[in-house]
Every structure is written in structure tokens, then in C-alpha cells.
N, C-alpha and C. Protein backbone atom coordinates (compact mmCIF):
# COMPACT_ATOMS: atom_id res chain seq x y z
N UNK A 1 36.88 -29.34 67.64
CA UNK A 1 35.75 -29.66 66.76
C UNK A 1 34.82 -30.66 67.45
N UNK A 2 33.51 -30.39 67.40
CA UNK A 2 32.53 -31.28 67.98
C UNK A 2 32.14 -32.35 66.97
N UNK A 3 32.24 -33.61 67.38
CA UNK A 3 31.89 -34.69 66.47
C UNK A 3 30.38 -34.82 66.36
N UNK A 4 29.93 -35.15 65.14
CA UNK A 4 28.51 -35.40 64.93
C UNK A 4 28.23 -36.85 65.31
N UNK A 5 27.47 -37.06 66.35
CA UNK A 5 27.06 -38.41 66.70
C UNK A 5 25.78 -38.34 67.54
N UNK A 6 25.14 -39.48 67.69
CA UNK A 6 23.89 -39.51 68.42
C UNK A 6 22.70 -39.22 67.53
N UNK A 7 21.53 -39.56 68.02
CA UNK A 7 20.31 -39.43 67.23
C UNK A 7 20.04 -37.99 66.80
N UNK A 8 20.34 -37.05 67.67
CA UNK A 8 20.06 -35.64 67.36
C UNK A 8 20.89 -35.11 66.20
N UNK A 9 21.97 -35.80 65.86
CA UNK A 9 22.81 -35.33 64.76
C UNK A 9 22.24 -35.71 63.39
N UNK A 10 21.26 -36.62 63.35
CA UNK A 10 20.67 -37.03 62.09
C UNK A 10 19.73 -35.94 61.56
N UNK A 11 19.56 -35.94 60.24
CA UNK A 11 18.70 -34.93 59.62
C UNK A 11 17.23 -35.22 59.89
N UNK A 12 16.49 -34.15 60.09
CA UNK A 12 15.04 -34.23 60.31
C UNK A 12 14.36 -33.28 59.32
N UNK A 13 13.35 -33.74 58.60
CA UNK A 13 12.74 -32.85 57.61
C UNK A 13 12.15 -31.59 58.21
N UNK A 14 11.62 -31.69 59.43
CA UNK A 14 10.99 -30.52 60.04
C UNK A 14 12.02 -29.47 60.48
N UNK A 15 13.30 -29.84 60.52
CA UNK A 15 14.36 -28.90 60.91
C UNK A 15 15.27 -28.53 59.75
N UNK A 16 15.01 -29.07 58.56
CA UNK A 16 15.91 -28.91 57.42
C UNK A 16 15.47 -27.78 56.49
N UNK A 17 16.46 -27.14 55.88
CA UNK A 17 16.23 -26.21 54.77
C UNK A 17 17.31 -26.50 53.73
N UNK A 18 16.89 -26.60 52.48
CA UNK A 18 17.80 -26.95 51.38
C UNK A 18 18.09 -25.71 50.54
N UNK A 19 19.37 -25.51 50.22
CA UNK A 19 19.77 -24.43 49.33
C UNK A 19 20.49 -25.04 48.12
N UNK A 20 19.94 -24.83 46.94
CA UNK A 20 20.55 -25.32 45.71
C UNK A 20 21.20 -24.13 44.99
N UNK A 21 22.50 -24.24 44.76
CA UNK A 21 23.30 -23.10 44.33
C UNK A 21 23.92 -23.32 42.95
N UNK A 22 23.57 -22.47 42.01
CA UNK A 22 24.27 -22.33 40.73
C UNK A 22 24.33 -23.61 39.89
N UNK A 23 23.26 -24.36 39.87
CA UNK A 23 23.17 -25.50 38.95
C UNK A 23 22.77 -24.95 37.57
N UNK A 24 23.76 -24.39 36.90
CA UNK A 24 23.56 -23.63 35.66
C UNK A 24 24.43 -24.18 34.53
N UNK A 25 24.08 -23.89 33.27
CA UNK A 25 24.83 -24.43 32.13
C UNK A 25 26.31 -24.06 32.13
N UNK A 26 26.65 -22.82 32.48
CA UNK A 26 28.06 -22.42 32.47
C UNK A 26 28.88 -23.28 33.41
N UNK A 27 28.37 -23.45 34.62
CA UNK A 27 29.09 -24.27 35.61
C UNK A 27 29.14 -25.73 35.16
N UNK A 28 28.05 -26.21 34.57
CA UNK A 28 28.02 -27.60 34.13
C UNK A 28 29.05 -27.86 33.04
N UNK A 29 29.28 -26.87 32.19
CA UNK A 29 30.23 -27.03 31.09
C UNK A 29 31.66 -27.21 31.59
N UNK A 30 31.93 -26.76 32.81
CA UNK A 30 33.27 -26.88 33.38
C UNK A 30 33.34 -27.93 34.49
N UNK A 31 32.33 -28.79 34.54
CA UNK A 31 32.28 -29.83 35.57
C UNK A 31 33.11 -31.03 35.12
N UNK A 32 34.12 -31.37 35.90
CA UNK A 32 35.01 -32.48 35.54
C UNK A 32 35.18 -33.51 36.66
N UNK A 33 34.52 -33.33 37.78
CA UNK A 33 34.64 -34.28 38.88
C UNK A 33 33.63 -35.42 38.79
N UNK A 34 32.55 -35.21 38.04
CA UNK A 34 31.48 -36.19 37.91
C UNK A 34 31.00 -36.22 36.47
N UNK A 35 30.25 -37.25 36.14
CA UNK A 35 29.52 -37.24 34.89
C UNK A 35 28.44 -36.15 35.02
N UNK A 36 28.40 -35.18 34.11
CA UNK A 36 27.43 -34.09 34.25
C UNK A 36 25.98 -34.54 34.36
N UNK A 37 25.60 -35.54 33.57
CA UNK A 37 24.21 -36.00 33.63
C UNK A 37 23.88 -36.60 34.98
N UNK A 38 24.87 -37.22 35.63
CA UNK A 38 24.64 -37.79 36.95
C UNK A 38 24.33 -36.68 37.96
N UNK A 39 25.03 -35.55 37.86
CA UNK A 39 24.78 -34.44 38.78
C UNK A 39 23.39 -33.86 38.55
N UNK A 40 22.98 -33.76 37.28
CA UNK A 40 21.62 -33.30 36.98
C UNK A 40 20.60 -34.24 37.61
N UNK A 41 20.81 -35.54 37.42
CA UNK A 41 19.90 -36.55 37.98
C UNK A 41 19.85 -36.47 39.50
N UNK A 42 21.01 -36.40 40.13
CA UNK A 42 21.08 -36.41 41.59
C UNK A 42 20.46 -35.15 42.19
N UNK A 43 20.72 -34.01 41.57
CA UNK A 43 20.17 -32.76 42.09
C UNK A 43 18.66 -32.73 41.93
N UNK A 44 18.17 -33.21 40.81
CA UNK A 44 16.73 -33.27 40.59
C UNK A 44 16.06 -34.19 41.61
N UNK A 45 16.68 -35.34 41.86
CA UNK A 45 16.14 -36.27 42.86
C UNK A 45 16.13 -35.64 44.25
N UNK A 46 17.20 -34.93 44.59
CA UNK A 46 17.27 -34.26 45.89
C UNK A 46 16.16 -33.22 46.01
N UNK A 47 15.94 -32.45 44.95
CA UNK A 47 14.87 -31.45 44.97
C UNK A 47 13.50 -32.10 45.15
N UNK A 48 13.27 -33.20 44.45
CA UNK A 48 11.98 -33.90 44.56
C UNK A 48 11.79 -34.49 45.96
N UNK A 49 12.87 -35.01 46.54
CA UNK A 49 12.79 -35.55 47.90
C UNK A 49 12.44 -34.43 48.89
N UNK A 50 13.07 -33.28 48.72
CA UNK A 50 12.78 -32.15 49.60
C UNK A 50 11.31 -31.76 49.50
N UNK A 51 10.79 -31.75 48.30
CA UNK A 51 9.37 -31.39 48.12
C UNK A 51 8.47 -32.44 48.78
N UNK A 52 8.83 -33.71 48.66
CA UNK A 52 8.02 -34.78 49.26
C UNK A 52 7.93 -34.63 50.78
N UNK A 53 8.99 -34.08 51.39
CA UNK A 53 9.02 -33.92 52.84
C UNK A 53 8.68 -32.49 53.28
N UNK A 54 8.25 -31.66 52.33
CA UNK A 54 7.94 -30.26 52.64
C UNK A 54 9.12 -29.52 53.25
N UNK A 55 10.30 -29.84 52.78
CA UNK A 55 11.50 -29.14 53.22
C UNK A 55 11.64 -27.86 52.39
N UNK A 56 11.65 -26.69 53.01
CA UNK A 56 11.81 -25.45 52.24
C UNK A 56 13.09 -25.50 51.40
N UNK A 57 12.96 -25.12 50.13
CA UNK A 57 14.10 -25.18 49.21
C UNK A 57 14.32 -23.81 48.59
N UNK A 58 15.51 -23.29 48.79
CA UNK A 58 15.89 -21.99 48.24
C UNK A 58 16.68 -22.23 46.97
N UNK A 59 16.27 -21.60 45.88
CA UNK A 59 16.95 -21.74 44.59
C UNK A 59 17.70 -20.45 44.30
N UNK A 60 18.98 -20.57 43.96
CA UNK A 60 19.76 -19.37 43.68
C UNK A 60 20.74 -19.60 42.54
N UNK A 61 20.90 -18.57 41.72
CA UNK A 61 21.83 -18.61 40.60
C UNK A 61 22.78 -17.42 40.73
N UNK A 62 23.83 -17.43 39.91
CA UNK A 62 24.75 -16.29 39.88
C UNK A 62 24.85 -15.79 38.44
N UNK A 63 24.59 -14.50 38.26
CA UNK A 63 24.65 -13.87 36.94
C UNK A 63 23.93 -14.72 35.89
N UNK A 64 22.66 -14.92 36.12
CA UNK A 64 21.86 -15.78 35.24
C UNK A 64 21.94 -15.35 33.77
N UNK A 65 22.00 -14.05 33.52
CA UNK A 65 22.04 -13.55 32.15
C UNK A 65 23.25 -14.06 31.38
N UNK A 66 24.34 -14.34 32.09
CA UNK A 66 25.55 -14.84 31.45
C UNK A 66 25.69 -16.36 31.60
N UNK A 67 25.38 -16.85 32.79
CA UNK A 67 25.62 -18.27 33.08
C UNK A 67 24.47 -19.20 32.77
N UNK A 68 23.31 -18.62 32.45
CA UNK A 68 22.15 -19.44 32.13
C UNK A 68 21.24 -19.69 33.32
N UNK A 69 20.03 -20.10 33.02
CA UNK A 69 19.05 -20.40 34.07
C UNK A 69 19.37 -21.72 34.76
N UNK A 70 18.85 -21.89 35.97
CA UNK A 70 18.99 -23.17 36.66
C UNK A 70 18.41 -24.28 35.81
N UNK A 71 18.93 -25.50 35.99
CA UNK A 71 18.43 -26.64 35.22
C UNK A 71 16.90 -26.68 35.31
N UNK A 72 16.21 -26.81 34.19
CA UNK A 72 14.75 -26.86 34.24
C UNK A 72 14.21 -28.06 35.02
N UNK A 73 15.00 -29.12 35.12
CA UNK A 73 14.54 -30.27 35.91
C UNK A 73 14.43 -29.92 37.39
N UNK A 74 15.15 -28.87 37.82
CA UNK A 74 15.04 -28.40 39.21
C UNK A 74 13.89 -27.42 39.35
N UNK A 75 13.87 -26.40 38.49
CA UNK A 75 12.82 -25.38 38.62
C UNK A 75 11.43 -25.96 38.35
N UNK A 76 11.34 -27.01 37.55
CA UNK A 76 10.05 -27.64 37.30
C UNK A 76 9.47 -28.29 38.56
N UNK A 77 10.34 -28.63 39.51
CA UNK A 77 9.88 -29.22 40.77
C UNK A 77 9.15 -28.17 41.62
N UNK A 78 9.54 -26.90 41.43
CA UNK A 78 8.97 -25.81 42.22
C UNK A 78 8.39 -24.75 41.28
N UNK A 79 7.34 -25.07 40.55
CA UNK A 79 6.79 -24.14 39.56
C UNK A 79 6.38 -22.81 40.19
N UNK A 80 6.80 -21.74 39.54
CA UNK A 80 6.43 -20.41 40.02
C UNK A 80 7.32 -19.85 41.10
N UNK A 81 8.24 -20.66 41.62
CA UNK A 81 9.11 -20.16 42.68
C UNK A 81 10.20 -19.25 42.10
N UNK A 82 10.43 -18.14 42.76
CA UNK A 82 11.46 -17.21 42.31
C UNK A 82 12.85 -17.78 42.56
N UNK A 83 13.71 -17.66 41.57
CA UNK A 83 15.12 -18.01 41.73
C UNK A 83 15.85 -16.73 42.10
N UNK A 84 16.59 -16.76 43.19
CA UNK A 84 17.33 -15.58 43.63
C UNK A 84 18.62 -15.49 42.82
N UNK A 85 18.74 -14.46 42.03
CA UNK A 85 19.93 -14.27 41.19
C UNK A 85 20.90 -13.32 41.90
N UNK A 86 22.14 -13.76 42.03
CA UNK A 86 23.14 -13.03 42.80
C UNK A 86 24.24 -12.48 41.90
N UNK A 87 25.00 -11.54 42.47
CA UNK A 87 26.30 -11.17 41.89
C UNK A 87 27.42 -11.71 42.76
N UNK A 88 27.13 -11.90 44.04
CA UNK A 88 28.14 -12.39 44.98
C UNK A 88 28.43 -13.87 44.73
N UNK A 89 29.71 -14.21 44.71
CA UNK A 89 30.10 -15.61 44.53
C UNK A 89 29.72 -16.41 45.76
N UNK A 90 29.95 -15.84 46.93
CA UNK A 90 29.63 -16.51 48.19
C UNK A 90 28.17 -16.26 48.53
N UNK A 91 27.35 -17.28 48.40
CA UNK A 91 25.92 -17.16 48.66
C UNK A 91 25.63 -16.63 50.06
N UNK A 92 26.47 -16.98 51.02
CA UNK A 92 26.21 -16.59 52.40
C UNK A 92 26.51 -15.12 52.68
N UNK A 93 27.01 -14.41 51.69
CA UNK A 93 27.14 -12.96 51.78
C UNK A 93 26.00 -12.25 51.04
N UNK A 94 25.11 -13.02 50.44
CA UNK A 94 24.00 -12.46 49.68
C UNK A 94 22.79 -12.34 50.60
N UNK A 95 22.43 -11.11 50.93
CA UNK A 95 21.39 -10.86 51.93
C UNK A 95 20.04 -11.49 51.57
N UNK A 96 19.53 -11.35 50.35
CA UNK A 96 18.22 -11.95 50.05
C UNK A 96 18.20 -13.47 50.26
N UNK A 97 19.30 -14.15 49.88
CA UNK A 97 19.33 -15.60 50.04
C UNK A 97 19.38 -15.98 51.51
N UNK A 98 20.25 -15.33 52.26
CA UNK A 98 20.37 -15.65 53.69
C UNK A 98 19.08 -15.31 54.42
N UNK A 99 18.46 -14.20 54.06
CA UNK A 99 17.18 -13.84 54.70
C UNK A 99 16.11 -14.89 54.41
N UNK A 100 16.11 -15.44 53.18
CA UNK A 100 15.14 -16.47 52.83
C UNK A 100 15.36 -17.73 53.65
N UNK A 101 16.62 -18.07 53.87
CA UNK A 101 16.94 -19.24 54.70
C UNK A 101 16.50 -19.00 56.14
N UNK A 102 16.86 -17.85 56.67
CA UNK A 102 16.53 -17.55 58.07
C UNK A 102 15.02 -17.48 58.29
N UNK A 103 14.29 -17.05 57.28
CA UNK A 103 12.84 -16.93 57.41
C UNK A 103 12.15 -18.28 57.62
N UNK A 104 12.82 -19.36 57.25
CA UNK A 104 12.23 -20.69 57.44
C UNK A 104 12.24 -21.11 58.90
N UNK A 105 13.13 -20.53 59.68
CA UNK A 105 13.27 -20.91 61.09
C UNK A 105 13.99 -22.23 61.30
N UNK A 106 14.53 -22.80 60.23
CA UNK A 106 15.23 -24.08 60.32
C UNK A 106 16.71 -23.84 60.62
N UNK A 107 17.37 -24.84 61.25
CA UNK A 107 18.80 -24.70 61.55
C UNK A 107 19.65 -25.79 60.92
N UNK A 108 19.04 -26.81 60.34
CA UNK A 108 19.81 -27.83 59.62
C UNK A 108 19.89 -27.38 58.16
N UNK A 109 21.02 -26.77 57.83
CA UNK A 109 21.22 -26.18 56.51
C UNK A 109 21.87 -27.20 55.59
N UNK A 110 21.19 -27.53 54.49
CA UNK A 110 21.68 -28.52 53.53
C UNK A 110 22.00 -27.79 52.23
N UNK A 111 23.21 -27.98 51.74
CA UNK A 111 23.69 -27.23 50.58
C UNK A 111 24.18 -28.19 49.50
N UNK A 112 23.86 -27.85 48.25
CA UNK A 112 24.45 -28.52 47.09
C UNK A 112 24.61 -27.48 46.00
N UNK A 113 25.65 -27.63 45.18
CA UNK A 113 25.84 -26.64 44.13
C UNK A 113 27.05 -26.89 43.26
N UNK A 114 27.23 -25.99 42.32
CA UNK A 114 28.36 -26.00 41.40
C UNK A 114 29.06 -24.64 41.53
N UNK A 115 30.34 -24.61 41.70
CA UNK A 115 31.27 -25.73 41.88
C UNK A 115 31.54 -25.96 43.36
N UNK A 116 31.93 -27.18 43.69
CA UNK A 116 32.15 -27.55 45.09
C UNK A 116 33.19 -26.67 45.76
N UNK A 117 34.28 -26.41 45.06
CA UNK A 117 35.41 -25.70 45.66
C UNK A 117 35.18 -24.20 45.81
N UNK A 118 34.12 -23.69 45.17
CA UNK A 118 33.87 -22.24 45.20
C UNK A 118 32.50 -21.96 45.82
N UNK A 119 31.45 -22.21 45.05
CA UNK A 119 30.11 -21.78 45.43
C UNK A 119 29.45 -22.67 46.49
N UNK A 120 30.03 -23.83 46.76
CA UNK A 120 29.57 -24.66 47.88
C UNK A 120 30.43 -24.42 49.11
N UNK A 121 31.75 -24.45 48.94
CA UNK A 121 32.66 -24.34 50.08
C UNK A 121 32.51 -23.01 50.82
N UNK A 122 32.42 -21.92 50.07
CA UNK A 122 32.36 -20.61 50.73
C UNK A 122 31.17 -20.48 51.69
N UNK A 123 29.93 -20.68 51.21
CA UNK A 123 28.80 -20.54 52.14
C UNK A 123 28.78 -21.60 53.22
N UNK A 124 29.20 -22.82 52.89
CA UNK A 124 29.18 -23.89 53.88
C UNK A 124 30.12 -23.57 55.04
N UNK A 125 31.31 -23.13 54.72
CA UNK A 125 32.30 -22.83 55.76
C UNK A 125 31.87 -21.63 56.58
N UNK A 126 31.35 -20.59 55.92
CA UNK A 126 30.91 -19.42 56.66
C UNK A 126 29.73 -19.75 57.56
N UNK A 127 28.73 -20.46 57.03
CA UNK A 127 27.55 -20.78 57.82
C UNK A 127 27.91 -21.68 59.01
N UNK A 128 28.80 -22.63 58.79
CA UNK A 128 29.22 -23.50 59.90
C UNK A 128 29.88 -22.67 60.99
N UNK A 129 30.69 -21.70 60.59
CA UNK A 129 31.34 -20.84 61.56
C UNK A 129 30.38 -19.96 62.32
N UNK A 130 29.19 -19.74 61.75
CA UNK A 130 28.17 -18.93 62.42
C UNK A 130 27.20 -19.77 63.24
N UNK A 131 27.49 -21.07 63.34
CA UNK A 131 26.70 -21.93 64.21
C UNK A 131 25.63 -22.75 63.54
N UNK A 132 25.54 -22.70 62.22
CA UNK A 132 24.56 -23.52 61.52
C UNK A 132 25.02 -24.98 61.46
N UNK A 133 24.08 -25.88 61.47
CA UNK A 133 24.36 -27.31 61.30
C UNK A 133 24.35 -27.57 59.80
N UNK A 134 25.53 -27.64 59.19
CA UNK A 134 25.66 -27.65 57.73
C UNK A 134 25.94 -29.04 57.19
N UNK A 135 25.12 -29.47 56.24
CA UNK A 135 25.33 -30.71 55.50
C UNK A 135 25.56 -30.35 54.03
N UNK A 136 26.57 -30.96 53.43
CA UNK A 136 26.88 -30.74 52.02
C UNK A 136 26.56 -32.02 51.25
N UNK A 137 25.73 -31.91 50.23
CA UNK A 137 25.35 -33.08 49.43
C UNK A 137 26.37 -33.20 48.30
N UNK A 138 27.29 -34.12 48.46
CA UNK A 138 28.47 -34.16 47.59
C UNK A 138 28.17 -34.64 46.18
N UNK A 139 27.20 -35.50 46.00
CA UNK A 139 26.94 -36.01 44.65
C UNK A 139 25.87 -35.21 43.91
N UNK A 140 25.35 -34.15 44.55
CA UNK A 140 24.53 -33.17 43.85
C UNK A 140 25.33 -31.88 43.67
N UNK A 141 26.63 -32.01 43.89
CA UNK A 141 27.59 -30.93 43.71
C UNK A 141 28.69 -31.46 42.79
N UNK A 142 29.56 -30.58 42.35
CA UNK A 142 30.67 -31.02 41.51
C UNK A 142 31.66 -29.89 41.30
N UNK A 143 32.91 -30.29 41.04
CA UNK A 143 33.97 -29.31 40.88
C UNK A 143 34.59 -29.32 39.50
N UNK A 144 35.52 -28.41 39.29
CA UNK A 144 36.18 -28.29 38.00
C UNK A 144 37.18 -29.41 37.75
N UNK A 145 37.51 -30.15 38.81
CA UNK A 145 38.34 -31.34 38.69
C UNK A 145 38.03 -32.24 39.87
N UNK A 146 38.42 -33.50 39.77
CA UNK A 146 38.21 -34.42 40.89
C UNK A 146 38.97 -33.93 42.11
N UNK A 147 40.20 -33.45 41.89
CA UNK A 147 40.99 -32.93 43.01
C UNK A 147 40.30 -31.74 43.66
N UNK A 148 39.79 -30.83 42.85
CA UNK A 148 39.12 -29.65 43.40
C UNK A 148 37.93 -30.05 44.26
N UNK A 149 37.14 -31.00 43.78
CA UNK A 149 35.97 -31.48 44.52
C UNK A 149 36.39 -32.13 45.84
N UNK A 150 37.38 -33.00 45.78
CA UNK A 150 37.79 -33.74 46.97
C UNK A 150 38.44 -32.83 48.01
N UNK A 151 39.29 -31.92 47.55
CA UNK A 151 39.94 -30.99 48.49
C UNK A 151 38.89 -30.11 49.15
N UNK A 152 37.90 -29.67 48.38
CA UNK A 152 36.84 -28.84 48.95
C UNK A 152 36.07 -29.59 50.03
N UNK A 153 35.77 -30.86 49.79
CA UNK A 153 35.07 -31.66 50.80
C UNK A 153 35.92 -31.79 52.06
N UNK A 154 37.23 -32.05 51.89
CA UNK A 154 38.12 -32.14 53.05
C UNK A 154 38.14 -30.84 53.83
N UNK A 155 38.17 -29.74 53.10
CA UNK A 155 38.19 -28.42 53.73
C UNK A 155 36.91 -28.18 54.52
N UNK A 156 35.77 -28.56 53.96
CA UNK A 156 34.49 -28.35 54.64
C UNK A 156 34.35 -29.25 55.85
N UNK A 157 34.82 -30.49 55.74
CA UNK A 157 34.80 -31.39 56.91
C UNK A 157 35.62 -30.79 58.05
N UNK A 158 36.80 -30.25 57.71
CA UNK A 158 37.65 -29.64 58.72
C UNK A 158 36.97 -28.45 59.39
N UNK A 159 36.05 -27.80 58.64
CA UNK A 159 35.32 -26.65 59.19
C UNK A 159 34.08 -27.07 59.97
N UNK A 160 33.81 -28.38 60.03
CA UNK A 160 32.68 -28.87 60.81
C UNK A 160 31.45 -29.23 60.01
N UNK A 161 31.56 -29.25 58.68
CA UNK A 161 30.40 -29.61 57.84
C UNK A 161 30.25 -31.12 57.74
N UNK A 162 29.06 -31.53 57.39
CA UNK A 162 28.69 -32.94 57.34
C UNK A 162 28.48 -33.35 55.88
N UNK A 163 29.34 -34.23 55.30
CA UNK A 163 29.15 -34.64 53.91
C UNK A 163 28.18 -35.82 53.80
N UNK A 164 27.27 -35.75 52.84
CA UNK A 164 26.33 -36.84 52.59
C UNK A 164 26.03 -36.90 51.10
N UNK A 165 25.46 -38.02 50.67
CA UNK A 165 24.97 -38.14 49.30
C UNK A 165 23.45 -37.93 49.32
N UNK A 166 22.88 -37.68 48.14
CA UNK A 166 21.47 -37.30 48.10
C UNK A 166 20.55 -38.39 48.62
N UNK A 167 20.86 -39.65 48.29
CA UNK A 167 19.99 -40.74 48.72
C UNK A 167 20.07 -40.93 50.24
N UNK A 168 21.24 -40.69 50.81
CA UNK A 168 21.39 -40.77 52.27
C UNK A 168 20.56 -39.67 52.94
N UNK A 169 20.52 -38.50 52.35
CA UNK A 169 19.69 -37.42 52.89
C UNK A 169 18.22 -37.82 52.88
N UNK A 170 17.75 -38.34 51.75
CA UNK A 170 16.35 -38.75 51.64
C UNK A 170 16.01 -39.85 52.64
N UNK A 171 16.93 -40.81 52.80
CA UNK A 171 16.69 -41.92 53.74
C UNK A 171 16.66 -41.42 55.18
N UNK A 172 17.51 -40.45 55.48
CA UNK A 172 17.56 -39.92 56.84
C UNK A 172 16.29 -39.12 57.15
N UNK A 173 15.79 -38.42 56.16
CA UNK A 173 14.50 -37.73 56.35
C UNK A 173 13.38 -38.73 56.59
N UNK A 174 13.37 -39.85 55.85
CA UNK A 174 12.31 -40.83 55.97
C UNK A 174 12.40 -41.59 57.29
N UNK A 175 13.56 -42.12 57.58
CA UNK A 175 13.91 -42.79 58.84
C UNK A 175 13.09 -44.02 59.16
N UNK A 176 11.80 -44.02 58.85
CA UNK A 176 10.91 -45.14 59.19
C UNK A 176 9.96 -45.34 58.02
N UNK A 177 9.94 -46.56 57.45
CA UNK A 177 9.07 -46.81 56.30
C UNK A 177 7.59 -46.77 56.66
N UNK A 178 7.27 -46.74 57.96
CA UNK A 178 5.88 -46.57 58.36
C UNK A 178 5.44 -45.11 58.27
N UNK A 179 6.38 -44.22 58.07
CA UNK A 179 6.06 -42.80 57.95
C UNK A 179 5.21 -42.57 56.71
N UNK A 180 4.23 -41.66 56.80
CA UNK A 180 3.26 -41.51 55.71
C UNK A 180 3.83 -40.85 54.47
N UNK A 181 5.11 -40.49 54.50
CA UNK A 181 5.75 -39.91 53.31
C UNK A 181 6.37 -40.97 52.40
N UNK A 182 6.31 -42.24 52.80
CA UNK A 182 7.00 -43.29 52.06
C UNK A 182 6.56 -43.37 50.60
N UNK A 183 5.26 -43.31 50.35
CA UNK A 183 4.78 -43.44 48.98
C UNK A 183 5.17 -42.22 48.15
N UNK A 184 5.05 -41.02 48.74
CA UNK A 184 5.42 -39.80 48.02
C UNK A 184 6.91 -39.80 47.72
N UNK A 185 7.71 -40.28 48.67
CA UNK A 185 9.16 -40.35 48.45
C UNK A 185 9.48 -41.31 47.33
N UNK A 186 8.85 -42.47 47.33
CA UNK A 186 9.11 -43.46 46.30
C UNK A 186 8.73 -42.92 44.92
N UNK A 187 7.60 -42.23 44.84
CA UNK A 187 7.18 -41.66 43.56
C UNK A 187 8.16 -40.57 43.10
N UNK A 188 8.71 -39.83 44.07
CA UNK A 188 9.60 -38.71 43.74
C UNK A 188 10.96 -39.18 43.25
N UNK A 189 11.54 -40.12 43.97
CA UNK A 189 12.94 -40.48 43.66
C UNK A 189 13.05 -41.76 42.84
N UNK A 190 11.94 -42.50 42.72
CA UNK A 190 11.99 -43.76 41.99
C UNK A 190 12.58 -43.66 40.60
N UNK A 191 12.17 -42.67 39.79
CA UNK A 191 12.71 -42.56 38.43
C UNK A 191 14.20 -42.23 38.38
N UNK A 192 14.80 -41.89 39.53
CA UNK A 192 16.20 -41.47 39.55
C UNK A 192 17.15 -42.52 40.12
N UNK A 193 16.61 -43.72 40.40
CA UNK A 193 17.44 -44.80 40.92
C UNK A 193 17.15 -46.09 40.16
N UNK A 194 18.16 -46.94 40.06
CA UNK A 194 17.97 -48.22 39.38
C UNK A 194 16.99 -49.09 40.14
N UNK A 195 17.06 -49.08 41.48
CA UNK A 195 16.13 -49.89 42.27
C UNK A 195 14.71 -49.38 42.13
N UNK A 196 14.56 -48.06 41.97
CA UNK A 196 13.23 -47.50 41.76
C UNK A 196 12.63 -47.94 40.44
N UNK A 197 13.44 -47.93 39.40
CA UNK A 197 12.98 -48.40 38.09
C UNK A 197 12.60 -49.87 38.17
N UNK A 198 13.41 -50.65 38.89
CA UNK A 198 13.10 -52.07 39.06
C UNK A 198 11.78 -52.27 39.80
N UNK A 199 11.52 -51.40 40.78
CA UNK A 199 10.27 -51.47 41.54
C UNK A 199 9.07 -51.19 40.63
N UNK A 200 9.20 -50.15 39.80
CA UNK A 200 8.11 -49.83 38.87
C UNK A 200 7.85 -50.99 37.92
N UNK A 201 8.94 -51.63 37.47
CA UNK A 201 8.80 -52.78 36.57
C UNK A 201 8.09 -53.93 37.29
N UNK A 202 8.48 -54.12 38.56
CA UNK A 202 7.84 -55.18 39.35
C UNK A 202 6.34 -54.94 39.47
N UNK A 203 5.96 -53.67 39.70
CA UNK A 203 4.54 -53.34 39.79
C UNK A 203 3.84 -53.58 38.45
N UNK A 204 4.53 -53.28 37.37
CA UNK A 204 3.96 -53.54 36.04
C UNK A 204 3.70 -55.02 35.85
N UNK A 205 4.70 -55.85 36.23
CA UNK A 205 4.55 -57.29 36.05
C UNK A 205 3.43 -57.84 36.92
N UNK A 206 3.33 -57.34 38.15
CA UNK A 206 2.29 -57.82 39.06
C UNK A 206 0.89 -57.46 38.57
N UNK A 207 0.81 -56.37 37.79
CA UNK A 207 -0.49 -55.92 37.30
C UNK A 207 -0.76 -56.31 35.85
N UNK A 208 0.12 -57.18 35.32
CA UNK A 208 -0.08 -57.65 33.95
C UNK A 208 -0.83 -59.00 33.98
N UNK A 209 -2.00 -59.06 33.38
CA UNK A 209 -2.75 -60.32 33.41
C UNK A 209 -1.97 -61.47 32.75
N UNK A 210 -2.13 -62.63 33.31
CA UNK A 210 -1.51 -63.83 32.72
C UNK A 210 -2.29 -64.19 31.46
N UNK A 211 -1.62 -64.35 30.34
CA UNK A 211 -2.35 -64.69 29.10
C UNK A 211 -3.16 -65.98 29.27
N UNK A 212 -4.36 -65.96 28.73
CA UNK A 212 -5.21 -67.15 28.81
C UNK A 212 -4.62 -68.24 27.94
N UNK A 213 -4.70 -69.45 28.44
CA UNK A 213 -4.21 -70.59 27.66
C UNK A 213 -5.21 -70.94 26.56
N UNK A 214 -4.68 -71.21 25.37
CA UNK A 214 -5.55 -71.53 24.27
C UNK A 214 -6.14 -72.94 24.32
């Protein structure tokens, strides 16, 4: 196994493509590794960060008619974008989805989805075996149990995948606060972090006139 190290191993927005898999009501109802609302928040923040950096984002569901539509907080980030609905459990065996990823020309494949042990692990392991540089966003994913989630992450690491959290992905894309995406990133992810909310409050206070003394 080749270890990920050195500057070239870090994520770059111009080389990244994000695939969000099966963030649907049915899967959410069986999510037991995380607080469900936290996963909704984290996935939405990840989607907004990707949009801020112009990272192509592929949206895919499985059996939407039965499992429900993707969370509206995700699809609202990409209005009008088609969600690829599959029958295959393993996204990486679904030709339309894989073709959409390949069409971007990117090789840093970033995946998040429900459930970690099934719909994330299968495509991540297959894609890594085919030579893709695979990152799994663990806190925008979740499993049917804590054990299922953790074992899946261990399995993917053993297959050469790179585990990260959503905020780490966004920070790695930004890399330098002098980059002109800083303001767009802050606007995108600020509502999804406690420090972002504190920042907005700070701006409110700074722009609140001091009451005149009587």
C-alpha cells in the first residue's frame, strides 16, 4: 500500500469531483452511527463548499420512488441539476454515474453517502482498486450502527482510501486565506458551524451603532 503523504496528496479543488450517494429518507431512518440531523447539516455544508470552489458534484439516489428524494437541503444547492437514480447498490457499477464522474476529467474522487458500510464502501473500494485517488467524507456519511460505520472506514482505509471530515475537505480546498474563494466559502459553510455563527454575530455587533447617551 502506498502511503498518502507530501503536498501532492492534499486535495485540490481543480482536481476534485464530489459524489453524494443516497442521502435519502429511507436510509436516514436507519442511521444509528450519528445524530441524523448532524449528517444532514454536514452533507449540506459539504455540498455548499463544493459549489463555492466549483467542484463538480454528482448527485445520485437509489430507487427514489421507494426510498425518497435526496435531502432538499442538498438539491437546493444545485437547482435544476438531475439526480441520477440507480437500481444498482454499488454506485461504481452504475454506468451513468461513473460516466458523469469521468466526464469531469478529475481524478481526486470524494465520496459521501448513506450507508457507510454499503453504498459508500462498495464504490470507494472499487474505485480505489481502479486507480482513483479516493477520499471518503466520514461525517457526511453514516451507517446502520456505530460498529458498521467504523468497520467500513477501516475496510476502506485498508483498500487505500483517505478518510476525512467535511470541514477538513473545505479547509484543504481553501489552503490559503488569501485565495479569492475565502469569502464565498465563509458564506457557504458559516451557517453550518458554531464558529461561523459566532462570526456572523461578531459582524452584527460591529455594525450595530452605539446608543447615544441621553
